[in-house]
PDB file of all heavy atoms in Angstrom:
ATOM      1  N   ASP A   1     -33.535  -8.215  43.568  1.00  0.00           N
ATOM      2  CA  ASP A   1     -33.636  -7.423  42.341  1.00  0.00           C
ATOM      3  C   ASP A   1     -32.485  -6.426  42.243  1.00  0.00           C
ATOM      4  O   ASP A   1     -31.907  -6.223  41.161  1.00  0.00           O
ATOM      5  CB  ASP A   1     -34.978  -6.682  42.327  1.00  0.00           C
ATOM      6  CG  ASP A   1     -35.302  -6.080  40.975  1.00  0.00           C
ATOM      7  OD1 ASP A   1     -34.833  -6.622  39.957  1.00  0.00           O
ATOM      8  OD2 ASP A   1     -36.026  -5.060  40.934  1.00  0.00           O
ATOM      9  N   ALA A   2     -32.107  -5.832  43.369  1.00  0.00           N
ATOM     10  CA  ALA A   2     -31.009  -4.870  43.370  1.00  0.00           C
ATOM     11  C   ALA A   2     -29.702  -5.539  42.935  1.00  0.00           C
ATOM     12  O   ALA A   2     -28.920  -4.965  42.157  1.00  0.00           O
ATOM     13  CB  ALA A   2     -30.843  -4.253  44.754  1.00  0.00           C
ATOM     14  N   LEU A   3     -29.457  -6.743  43.426  1.00  0.00           N
ATOM     15  CA  LEU A   3     -28.255  -7.464  43.023  1.00  0.00           C
ATOM     16  C   LEU A   3     -28.294  -7.806  41.543  1.00  0.00           C
ATOM     17  O   LEU A   3     -27.265  -7.756  40.849  1.00  0.00           O
ATOM     18  CB  LEU A   3     -28.096  -8.729  43.860  1.00  0.00           C
ATOM     19  CG  LEU A   3     -27.627  -8.529  45.290  1.00  0.00           C
ATOM     20  CD1 LEU A   3     -27.815  -9.810  46.121  1.00  0.00           C
ATOM     21  CD2 LEU A   3     -26.154  -8.095  45.324  1.00  0.00           C
ATOM     22  N   GLY A   4     -29.472  -8.144  41.047  1.00  0.00           N
ATOM     23  CA  GLY A   4     -29.595  -8.452  39.626  1.00  0.00           C
ATOM     24  C   GLY A   4     -29.284  -7.243  38.758  1.00  0.00           C
ATOM     25  O   GLY A   4     -28.581  -7.360  37.751  1.00  0.00           O
ATOM     26  N   VAL A   5     -29.795  -6.087  39.147  1.00  0.00           N
ATOM     27  CA  VAL A   5     -29.518  -4.867  38.376  1.00  0.00           C
ATOM     28  C   VAL A   5     -28.040  -4.530  38.469  1.00  0.00           C
ATOM     29  O   VAL A   5     -27.388  -4.159  37.477  1.00  0.00           O
ATOM     30  CB  VAL A   5     -30.376  -3.691  38.891  1.00  0.00           C
ATOM     31  CG1 VAL A   5     -29.976  -2.393  38.191  1.00  0.00           C
ATOM     32  CG2 VAL A   5     -31.856  -3.969  38.686  1.00  0.00           C
ATOM     33  N   ALA A   6     -27.466  -4.645  39.670  1.00  0.00           N
ATOM     34  CA  ALA A   6     -26.054  -4.319  39.861  1.00  0.00           C
ATOM     35  C   ALA A   6     -25.152  -5.171  38.985  1.00  0.00           C
ATOM     36  O   ALA A   6     -24.175  -4.681  38.397  1.00  0.00           O
ATOM     37  CB  ALA A   6     -25.675  -4.487  41.326  1.00  0.00           C
ATOM     38  N   ASN A   7     -25.458  -6.458  38.868  1.00  0.00           N
ATOM     39  CA  ASN A   7     -24.603  -7.373  38.110  1.00  0.00           C
ATOM     40  C   ASN A   7     -24.897  -7.384  36.614  1.00  0.00           C
ATOM     41  O   ASN A   7     -24.166  -8.018  35.852  1.00  0.00           O
ATOM     42  CB  ASN A   7     -24.735  -8.789  38.671  1.00  0.00           C
ATOM     43  CG  ASN A   7     -24.059  -8.948  40.019  1.00  0.00           C
ATOM     44  OD1 ASN A   7     -23.115  -8.231  40.344  1.00  0.00           O
ATOM     45  ND2 ASN A   7     -24.546  -9.890  40.821  1.00  0.00           N
ATOM     46  N   ALA A   8     -25.941  -6.665  36.197  1.00  0.00           N
ATOM     47  CA  ALA A   8     -26.296  -6.610  34.772  1.00  0.00           C
ATOM     48  C   ALA A   8     -25.441  -5.560  34.072  1.00  0.00           C
ATOM     49  O   ALA A   8     -25.927  -4.588  33.500  1.00  0.00           O
ATOM     50  CB  ALA A   8     -27.771  -6.294  34.621  1.00  0.00           C
ATOM     51  N   SER A   9     -24.134  -5.787  34.109  1.00  0.00           N
ATOM     52  CA  SER A   9     -23.188  -4.855  33.528  1.00  0.00           C
ATOM     53  C   SER A   9     -21.983  -5.636  33.014  1.00  0.00           C
ATOM     54  O   SER A   9     -21.599  -6.652  33.589  1.00  0.00           O
ATOM     55  CB  SER A   9     -22.728  -3.828  34.575  1.00  0.00           C
ATOM     56  OG  SER A   9     -21.667  -3.035  34.094  1.00  0.00           O
ATOM     57  N   SER A  10     -21.384  -5.130  31.951  1.00  0.00           N
ATOM     58  CA  SER A  10     -20.156  -5.756  31.454  1.00  0.00           C
ATOM     59  C   SER A  10     -18.971  -5.407  32.345  1.00  0.00           C
ATOM     60  O   SER A  10     -17.923  -6.048  32.264  1.00  0.00           O
ATOM     61  CB  SER A  10     -19.884  -5.318  30.021  1.00  0.00           C
ATOM     62  OG  SER A  10     -19.658  -3.913  29.960  1.00  0.00           O
ATOM     63  N   PHE A  11     -19.143  -4.394  33.177  1.00  0.00           N
ATOM     64  CA  PHE A  11     -18.063  -3.962  34.066  1.00  0.00           C
ATOM     65  C   PHE A  11     -18.143  -4.677  35.410  1.00  0.00           C
ATOM     66  O   PHE A  11     -19.199  -5.123  35.829  1.00  0.00           O
ATOM     67  CB  PHE A  11     -18.123  -2.441  34.287  1.00  0.00           C
ATOM     68  CG  PHE A  11     -17.924  -1.637  33.032  1.00  0.00           C
ATOM     69  CD1 PHE A  11     -19.002  -1.019  32.409  1.00  0.00           C
ATOM     70  CD2 PHE A  11     -16.663  -1.513  32.478  1.00  0.00           C
ATOM     71  CE1 PHE A  11     -18.824  -0.288  31.247  1.00  0.00           C
ATOM     72  CE2 PHE A  11     -16.473  -0.767  31.310  1.00  0.00           C
ATOM     73  CZ  PHE A  11     -17.562  -0.156  30.691  1.00  0.00           C
ATOM     74  N   GLY A  12     -17.000  -4.724  36.088  1.00  0.00           N
ATOM     75  CA  GLY A  12     -16.960  -5.366  37.400  1.00  0.00           C
ATOM     76  C   GLY A  12     -15.823  -4.835  38.241  1.00  0.00           C
ATOM     77  O   GLY A  12     -14.989  -5.598  38.729  1.00  0.00           O
ATOM     78  N   LEU A  13     -15.802  -3.519  38.409  1.00  0.00           N
ATOM     79  CA  LEU A  13     -14.701  -2.913  39.152  1.00  0.00           C
ATOM     80  C   LEU A  13     -14.977  -2.907  40.658  1.00  0.00           C
ATOM     81  O   LEU A  13     -14.298  -3.562  41.424  1.00  0.00           O
ATOM     82  CB  LEU A  13     -14.412  -1.509  38.633  1.00  0.00           C
ATOM     83  CG  LEU A  13     -13.124  -0.859  39.145  1.00  0.00           C
ATOM     84  CD1 LEU A  13     -11.906  -1.731  38.845  1.00  0.00           C
ATOM     85  CD2 LEU A  13     -12.953   0.526  38.518  1.00  0.00           C
ATOM     86  N   ALA A  14     -15.987  -2.164  41.083  1.00  0.00           N
ATOM     87  CA  ALA A  14     -16.248  -2.043  42.520  1.00  0.00           C
ATOM     88  C   ALA A  14     -17.720  -1.743  42.745  1.00  0.00           C
ATOM     89  O   ALA A  14     -18.467  -1.443  41.813  1.00  0.00           O
ATOM     90  CB  ALA A  14     -15.387  -0.935  43.131  1.00  0.00           C
ATOM     91  N   ALA A  15     -18.130  -1.843  44.009  1.00  0.00           N
ATOM     92  CA  ALA A  15     -19.528  -1.590  44.373  1.00  0.00           C
ATOM     93  C   ALA A  15     -19.590  -1.060  45.794  1.00  0.00           C
ATOM     94  O   ALA A  15     -18.737  -1.370  46.631  1.00  0.00           O
ATOM     95  CB  ALA A  15     -20.367  -2.867  44.247  1.00  0.00           C
ATOM     96  N   SER A  16     -20.636  -0.279  46.044  1.00  0.00           N
ATOM     97  CA  SER A  16     -20.902   0.214  47.395  1.00  0.00           C
ATOM     98  C   SER A  16     -22.295  -0.239  47.802  1.00  0.00           C
ATOM     99  O   SER A  16     -23.245  -0.150  47.005  1.00  0.00           O
ATOM    100  CB  SER A  16     -20.811   1.753  47.406  1.00  0.00           C
ATOM    101  OG  SER A  16     -21.128   2.269  48.684  1.00  0.00           O
ATOM    102  N   VAL A  17     -22.413  -0.761  49.024  1.00  0.00           N
ATOM    103  CA  VAL A  17     -23.686  -1.307  49.513  1.00  0.00           C
ATOM    104  C   VAL A  17     -24.031  -0.605  50.824  1.00  0.00           C
ATOM    105  O   VAL A  17     -23.187  -0.449  51.706  1.00  0.00           O
ATOM    106  CB  VAL A  17     -23.565  -2.834  49.778  1.00  0.00           C
ATOM    107  CG1 VAL A  17     -24.876  -3.370  50.317  1.00  0.00           C
ATOM    108  CG2 VAL A  17     -23.163  -3.556  48.508  1.00  0.00           C
ATOM    109  N   TRP A  18     -25.312  -0.223  50.928  1.00  0.00           N
ATOM    110  CA  TRP A  18     -25.778   0.486  52.126  1.00  0.00           C
ATOM    111  C   TRP A  18     -26.859  -0.321  52.825  1.00  0.00           C
ATOM    112  O   TRP A  18     -27.941  -0.535  52.298  1.00  0.00           O
ATOM    113  CB  TRP A  18     -26.274   1.885  51.732  1.00  0.00           C
ATOM    114  CG  TRP A  18     -25.094   2.714  51.320  1.00  0.00           C
ATOM    115  CD1 TRP A  18     -24.425   2.640  50.127  1.00  0.00           C
ATOM    116  CD2 TRP A  18     -24.403   3.656  52.112  1.00  0.00           C
ATOM    117  NE1 TRP A  18     -23.347   3.501  50.143  1.00  0.00           N
ATOM    118  CE2 TRP A  18     -23.299   4.135  51.324  1.00  0.00           C
ATOM    119  CE3 TRP A  18     -24.593   4.169  53.399  1.00  0.00           C
ATOM    120  CZ2 TRP A  18     -22.408   5.090  51.810  1.00  0.00           C
ATOM    121  CZ3 TRP A  18     -23.708   5.135  53.879  1.00  0.00           C
ATOM    122  CH2 TRP A  18     -22.627   5.580  53.096  1.00  0.00           C
ATOM    123  N   THR A  19     -26.521  -0.810  54.019  1.00  0.00           N
ATOM    124  CA  THR A  19     -27.430  -1.641  54.800  1.00  0.00           C
ATOM    125  C   THR A  19     -26.963  -1.643  56.247  1.00  0.00           C
ATOM    126  O   THR A  19     -25.768  -1.481  56.517  1.00  0.00           O
ATOM    127  CB  THR A  19     -27.460  -3.076  54.263  1.00  0.00           C
ATOM    128  OG1 THR A  19     -28.308  -3.881  55.095  1.00  0.00           O
ATOM    129  CG2 THR A  19     -26.081  -3.713  54.244  1.00  0.00           C
ATOM    130  N   ARG A  20     -27.901  -1.851  57.170  1.00  0.00           N
ATOM    131  CA  ARG A  20     -27.533  -2.020  58.566  1.00  0.00           C
ATOM    132  C   ARG A  20     -27.730  -3.473  59.003  1.00  0.00           C
ATOM    133  O   ARG A  20     -27.660  -3.782  60.195  1.00  0.00           O
ATOM    134  CB  ARG A  20     -28.343  -1.072  59.441  1.00  0.00           C
ATOM    135  CG  ARG A  20     -27.838   0.375  59.326  1.00  0.00           C
ATOM    136  CD  ARG A  20     -28.569   1.355  60.209  1.00  0.00           C
ATOM    137  NE  ARG A  20     -29.783   1.848  59.606  1.00  0.00           N
ATOM    138  CZ  ARG A  20     -30.351   3.023  59.884  1.00  0.00           C
ATOM    139  NH1 ARG A  20     -29.777   3.846  60.760  1.00  0.00           N
ATOM    140  NH2 ARG A  20     -31.468   3.409  59.286  1.00  0.00           N
ATOM    141  N   ASP A  21     -27.946  -4.339  58.022  1.00  0.00           N
ATOM    142  CA  ASP A  21     -28.155  -5.759  58.278  1.00  0.00           C
ATOM    143  C   ASP A  21     -26.866  -6.508  57.923  1.00  0.00           C
ATOM    144  O   ASP A  21     -26.483  -6.577  56.750  1.00  0.00           O
ATOM    145  CB  ASP A  21     -29.329  -6.250  57.422  1.00  0.00           C
ATOM    146  CG  ASP A  21     -29.700  -7.699  57.679  1.00  0.00           C
ATOM    147  OD1 ASP A  21     -28.772  -8.520  57.837  1.00  0.00           O
ATOM    148  OD2 ASP A  21     -30.909  -8.014  57.663  1.00  0.00           O
ATOM    149  N   ARG A  22     -26.205  -7.092  58.930  1.00  0.00           N
ATOM    150  CA  ARG A  22     -24.919  -7.737  58.696  1.00  0.00           C
ATOM    151  C   ARG A  22     -25.031  -8.912  57.716  1.00  0.00           C
ATOM    152  O   ARG A  22     -24.187  -9.088  56.828  1.00  0.00           O
ATOM    153  CB  ARG A  22     -24.329  -8.225  60.019  1.00  0.00           C
ATOM    154  CG  ARG A  22     -22.993  -8.946  59.868  1.00  0.00           C
ATOM    155  CD  ARG A  22     -22.393  -9.280  61.224  1.00  0.00           C
ATOM    156  NE  ARG A  22     -21.968  -8.078  61.927  1.00  0.00           N
ATOM    157  CZ  ARG A  22     -20.790  -7.478  61.719  1.00  0.00           C
ATOM    158  NH1 ARG A  22     -19.949  -7.961  60.826  1.00  0.00           N
ATOM    159  NH2 ARG A  22     -20.483  -6.411  62.418  1.00  0.00           N
ATOM    160  N   ALA A  23     -26.087  -9.710  57.855  1.00  0.00           N
ATOM    161  CA  ALA A  23     -26.247 -10.854  56.946  1.00  0.00           C
ATOM    162  C   ALA A  23     -26.453 -10.379  55.512  1.00  0.00           C
ATOM    163  O   ALA A  23     -25.946 -10.980  54.562  1.00  0.00           O
ATOM    164  CB  ALA A  23     -27.426 -11.709  57.401  1.00  0.00           C
ATOM    165  N   GLU A  24     -27.203  -9.301  55.351  1.00  0.00           N
ATOM    166  CA  GLU A  24     -27.434  -8.748  54.021  1.00  0.00           C
ATOM    167  C   GLU A  24     -26.140  -8.191  53.437  1.00  0.00           C
ATOM    168  O   GLU A  24     -25.856  -8.361  52.248  1.00  0.00           O
ATOM    169  CB  GLU A  24     -28.495  -7.640  54.108  1.00  0.00           C
ATOM    170  CG  GLU A  24     -29.035  -7.183  52.784  1.00  0.00           C
ATOM    171  CD  GLU A  24     -30.263  -6.314  52.980  1.00  0.00           C
ATOM    172  OE1 GLU A  24     -30.176  -5.294  53.704  1.00  0.00           O
ATOM    173  OE2 GLU A  24     -31.318  -6.657  52.417  1.00  0.00           O
ATOM    174  N   ALA A  25     -25.340  -7.558  54.265  1.00  0.00           N
ATOM    175  CA  ALA A  25     -24.059  -7.039  53.801  1.00  0.00           C
ATOM    176  C   ALA A  25     -23.154  -8.174  53.341  1.00  0.00           C
ATOM    177  O   ALA A  25     -22.495  -8.079  52.301  1.00  0.00           O
ATOM    178  CB  ALA A  25     -23.387  -6.246  54.923  1.00  0.00           C
ATOM    179  N   GLU A  26     -23.131  -9.253  54.094  1.00  0.00           N
ATOM    180  CA  GLU A  26     -22.302 -10.402  53.728  1.00  0.00           C
ATOM    181  C   GLU A  26     -22.797 -11.025  52.425  1.00  0.00           C
ATOM    182  O   GLU A  26     -21.995 -11.404  51.559  1.00  0.00           O
ATOM    183  CB  GLU A  26     -22.312 -11.437  54.846  1.00  0.00           C
ATOM    184  CG  GLU A  26     -21.661 -12.759  54.496  1.00  0.00           C
ATOM    185  CD  GLU A  26     -20.220 -12.616  54.029  1.00  0.00           C
ATOM    186  OE1 GLU A  26     -19.514 -11.719  54.539  1.00  0.00           O
ATOM    187  OE2 GLU A  26     -19.804 -13.387  53.140  1.00  0.00           O
ATOM    188  N   ARG A  27     -24.099 -11.104  52.269  1.00  0.00           N
ATOM    189  CA  ARG A  27     -24.642 -11.661  51.023  1.00  0.00           C
ATOM    190  C   ARG A  27     -24.221 -10.814  49.827  1.00  0.00           C
ATOM    191  O   ARG A  27     -23.792 -11.332  48.791  1.00  0.00           O
ATOM    192  CB  ARG A  27     -26.162 -11.735  51.108  1.00  0.00           C
ATOM    193  CG  ARG A  27     -26.753 -12.289  49.819  1.00  0.00           C
ATOM    194  CD  ARG A  27     -28.243 -12.145  49.736  1.00  0.00           C
ATOM    195  NE  ARG A  27     -28.708 -12.577  48.410  1.00  0.00           N
ATOM    196  CZ  ARG A  27     -29.927 -12.385  47.959  1.00  0.00           C
ATOM    197  NH1 ARG A  27     -30.850 -11.794  48.721  1.00  0.00           N
ATOM    198  NH2 ARG A  27     -30.260 -12.784  46.742  1.00  0.00           N
TER     199      ARG A  27
END
């Protein structure tokens, strides 16, 4: 859901992700 909200934008400059899960960070 978080990825869906993040991508629901006409903009696409940059993003910051906070996680301690390496696989989740890669995804």
